[in-house]
């Protein structure tokens, strides 16, 4: 992400330090991660200490300081999903993508995370990709679902 685009996002939020989290989220959404250069630019433009920004991005799980895939896969491992087969789903996703939970593939196509609950227990087991929920999943369905993501 170039500095001009970072500046546009900051300006969109009136260069208001109180909009720091919204600015970080918008940059993360477009870039899929927060490079150090972007954080330094935000620090300079908003006159917010770099250490404060670093503290925020390491505190919230929504932020990543390493490159993430274009598509984020979340597999629910909560109790309802677990007893309905979530571990098998996770194994299948890992086999098909070649990555484990907490990793991103080398093409930066997919990042995989496990979560404790996605809030739709009646649909378990559930997998969420880029905000789209896939409920009542069986391992045999996963390959077909993943093919829908470039």
Protein backbone atom coordinates (compact mmCIF):
# COMPACT_ATOMS: atom_id res chain seq x y z
CA UNK A 1 0.00 0.00 0.00
CA UNK A 2 1.49 3.31 -1.01
CA UNK A 3 1.73 6.40 1.18
CA UNK A 4 -0.75 8.34 -0.96
CA UNK A 5 -3.46 5.77 -0.25
CA UNK A 6 -2.65 5.82 3.47
CA UNK A 7 -2.89 9.62 3.40
CA UNK A 8 -6.28 9.41 1.63
CA UNK A 9 -7.63 7.14 4.35
CA UNK A 10 -6.31 9.42 7.08
CA UNK A 11 -7.80 12.49 5.37
CA UNK A 12 -11.13 10.70 4.99
CA UNK A 13 -11.18 10.53 8.80
CA UNK A 14 -10.25 14.25 9.09
CA UNK A 15 -6.77 13.32 10.40
CA UNK A 16 -8.43 12.78 13.77
CA UNK A 17 -6.35 10.76 16.25
CA UNK A 18 -9.64 9.58 17.79
CA UNK A 19 -10.25 7.71 14.52
CA UNK A 20 -7.04 5.72 14.86
CA UNK A 21 -8.72 2.32 15.14
CA UNK A 22 -11.03 3.03 12.19
CA UNK A 23 -8.02 4.11 10.11
CA UNK A 24 -6.10 0.97 11.06
CA UNK A 25 -9.10 -1.22 10.25
CA UNK A 26 -9.56 0.39 6.85
CA UNK A 27 -5.89 -0.04 5.95
CA UNK A 28 -5.99 -3.63 7.20
CA UNK A 29 -9.14 -4.31 5.14
CA UNK A 30 -7.49 -3.07 1.94
CA UNK A 31 -4.00 -4.38 2.53
CA UNK A 32 -4.77 -7.55 4.56
CA UNK A 33 -2.11 -6.57 7.10
CA UNK A 34 -0.41 -3.54 8.65
CA UNK A 35 3.16 -3.01 7.44
CA UNK A 36 5.51 -1.07 9.70
CA UNK A 37 5.79 1.68 7.07
CA UNK A 38 2.02 2.23 7.22
CA UNK A 39 2.10 2.43 11.02
CA UNK A 40 4.96 4.93 10.89
CA UNK A 41 3.05 7.05 8.38
CA UNK A 42 -0.06 7.03 10.56
CA UNK A 43 2.03 7.96 13.59
CA UNK A 44 3.54 10.92 11.76
CA UNK A 45 0.29 12.18 10.19
CA UNK A 46 -1.84 11.84 13.34
CA UNK A 47 0.96 12.82 15.72
CA UNK A 48 0.31 9.70 17.77
CA UNK A 49 3.36 7.98 19.29
CA UNK A 50 4.40 4.90 17.33
CA UNK A 51 4.51 2.94 20.61
CA UNK A 52 0.81 3.65 21.20
CA UNK A 53 -0.10 2.45 17.71
CA UNK A 54 2.05 -0.65 18.15
CA UNK A 55 0.33 -1.38 21.47
CA UNK A 56 -3.11 -1.16 19.85
CA UNK A 57 -2.29 -3.39 16.88
CA UNK A 58 -0.73 -6.05 19.08
CA UNK A 59 -3.62 -5.97 21.56
CA UNK A 60 -6.50 -6.51 19.14
CA UNK A 61 -6.67 -9.82 17.29
CA UNK A 62 -8.33 -8.08 14.32
CA UNK A 63 -4.96 -6.61 13.34
CA UNK A 64 -2.06 -8.44 11.75
CA UNK A 65 1.56 -7.33 11.53
CA UNK A 66 2.35 -10.09 9.04
CA UNK A 67 0.94 -10.58 5.54
CA UNK A 68 -2.45 -12.31 5.52
CA UNK A 69 -4.28 -14.11 2.76
CA UNK A 70 -6.86 -12.42 0.57
CA UNK A 71 -9.41 -14.79 2.10
CA UNK A 72 -9.63 -15.42 5.83
CA UNK A 73 -11.03 -18.76 6.89
CA UNK A 74 -12.35 -19.18 10.43
CA UNK A 75 -13.31 -22.63 11.65
CA UNK A 76 -15.47 -22.66 14.77
CA UNK A 77 -14.18 -25.01 17.46
CA UNK A 78 -16.83 -24.13 20.06
CA UNK A 79 -18.59 -26.90 21.93
CA UNK A 80 -21.60 -27.23 19.60
CA UNK A 81 -19.41 -27.26 16.49
CA UNK A 82 -16.80 -29.49 18.09
CA UNK A 83 -19.26 -32.25 18.92
CA UNK A 84 -20.72 -32.01 15.41
CA UNK A 85 -17.40 -32.59 13.68
CA UNK A 86 -15.42 -29.35 13.62
CA UNK A 87 -12.08 -31.14 14.17
CA UNK A 88 -12.65 -33.11 10.94
CA UNK A 89 -13.52 -29.86 9.14
CA UNK A 90 -10.33 -28.26 10.37
CA UNK A 91 -8.25 -31.27 9.29
CA UNK A 92 -9.80 -31.12 5.81
CA UNK A 93 -9.25 -27.36 5.44
CA UNK A 94 -5.64 -27.81 6.54
CA UNK A 95 -5.12 -30.65 4.05
CA UNK A 96 -6.68 -28.72 1.15
CA UNK A 97 -4.90 -25.42 1.80
CA UNK A 98 -1.61 -26.80 3.08
CA UNK A 99 -1.67 -24.49 6.10
CA UNK A 100 -2.39 -24.91 9.79
CA UNK A 101 -4.35 -22.61 12.08
CA UNK A 102 -2.53 -19.29 12.46
CA UNK A 103 -0.81 -19.59 9.08
CA UNK A 104 -1.10 -18.05 5.62
CA UNK A 105 -0.29 -19.89 2.41
CA UNK A 106 2.69 -18.81 0.31
CA UNK A 107 0.44 -17.38 -2.45
CA UNK A 108 -1.30 -15.15 0.14
CA UNK A 109 -4.62 -16.64 -0.93
CA UNK A 110 -5.81 -18.07 2.40
CA UNK A 111 -5.20 -17.46 6.09
CA UNK A 112 -6.64 -19.96 8.56
CA UNK A 113 -7.74 -19.38 12.15
CA UNK A 114 -9.74 -21.34 14.66
CA UNK A 115 -12.25 -19.46 16.79
CA UNK A 116 -14.10 -20.38 19.96
CA UNK A 117 -17.53 -19.38 18.67
CA UNK A 118 -19.06 -17.75 15.61
CA UNK A 119 -22.43 -17.26 17.29
CA UNK A 120 -24.47 -19.59 15.13
CA UNK A 121 -24.31 -22.82 17.12
CA UNK A 122 -27.47 -24.28 15.57
CA UNK A 123 -25.67 -24.34 12.20
CA UNK A 124 -22.64 -26.25 13.49
CA UNK A 125 -20.17 -27.17 12.41
CA UNK A 126 -19.54 -23.75 10.92
CA UNK A 127 -16.79 -22.31 8.77
CA UNK A 128 -16.70 -18.60 7.93
CA UNK A 129 -14.79 -17.17 4.98
CA UNK A 130 -14.55 -13.41 4.48
CA UNK A 131 -17.68 -12.86 6.57
CA UNK A 132 -19.78 -15.51 4.78
CA UNK A 133 -21.00 -18.31 7.00
CA UNK A 134 -21.05 -21.92 5.80
CA UNK A 135 -23.13 -23.99 8.20
CA UNK A 136 -23.83 -27.69 8.65
CA UNK A 137 -20.54 -28.33 6.89
CA UNK A 138 -19.20 -31.77 6.11
CA UNK A 139 -15.59 -32.39 5.13
CA UNK A 140 -16.71 -33.47 1.64
CA UNK A 141 -18.21 -29.99 1.01
CA UNK A 142 -15.10 -27.97 1.82
CA UNK A 143 -13.28 -28.36 -1.48
CA UNK A 144 -16.32 -27.08 -3.36
CA UNK A 145 -16.63 -24.08 -1.03
CA UNK A 146 -12.93 -23.18 -1.29
CA UNK A 147 -13.11 -23.24 -5.11
CA UNK A 148 -15.43 -20.21 -4.94
CA UNK A 149 -12.55 -18.05 -3.69
CA UNK A 150 -9.97 -16.95 -6.25
